[in-house]
Amino acid sequence: MKLIVITTPCFFEGEAEAITALFHSGLQTLHLRKPDASIVEIESLLNELPPQYMERIVTHEHFCLVSDYHLKGIHLNKRNPHIPENYSGHISSSCHSLNEVVQRKSTCNYVFLSPIYDSISKAGYISAYTHDSLLRACQSQIIDAQVVALGGISAKHFPEIQSLGFGGVAILGDIWSRTGNDFIKYFQNLRRLSLSY
């Protein structure tokens, strides 16, 4: 399964070092999501990261940064729903219903479906799907390798996520709630688990 990490919405001290440590530990895709950040603030963070990891970063804002920094691609959402003119690179998208998944899969490398479980990072953001509804979506091939599960996901959910046909998981609250050495050890465990599914 793909293992994607999404940044916290707000910047924090030591964030560049934490992201670099994730890349050093094998993270293949980071989603840079900073809804209220200016382009200058995001550039400041990118400038603190080793250049060899730029190609592993998907940005949710300020799509011009893709060409400026040679990023992996863009992520479409309610704030930024449109593909820039003449853009032909990597595209992913947020989906909050199975109908959205059906509509968007054909134009994206992958899509996020959320919230699968009750969110760890967003209070009151509760699961929108039952196990049975997700299983039916898998059997109908709505959920497949192009669909990444998001929302409340931790290591304990990996077996169920895999059994439901998802192609990967996106982690946010579960990883950023950790500190110190536990942060990287936990990520390494997540990565081992994802590679086993």
Foldseek 3Di string as FASTA:
>chain_A
DQEEEEEDQDDDPCPLVLVQLLVVLPRQAYEDHHPPDDPVVVVVSVVSHPLVNQCRYEYADDQVVCVVSVHQYYEAEPVRHDDDPPDDGAYEYEDADLVVLVVCLVPHQAYEYDDCAAALPDPPRGHPDDLVVLLVCLVVVSAALRYEYEGPDALVCVVSCVVSHHNYYYDYNVLVVDDDPCNSVRSSVSVVSNVVD
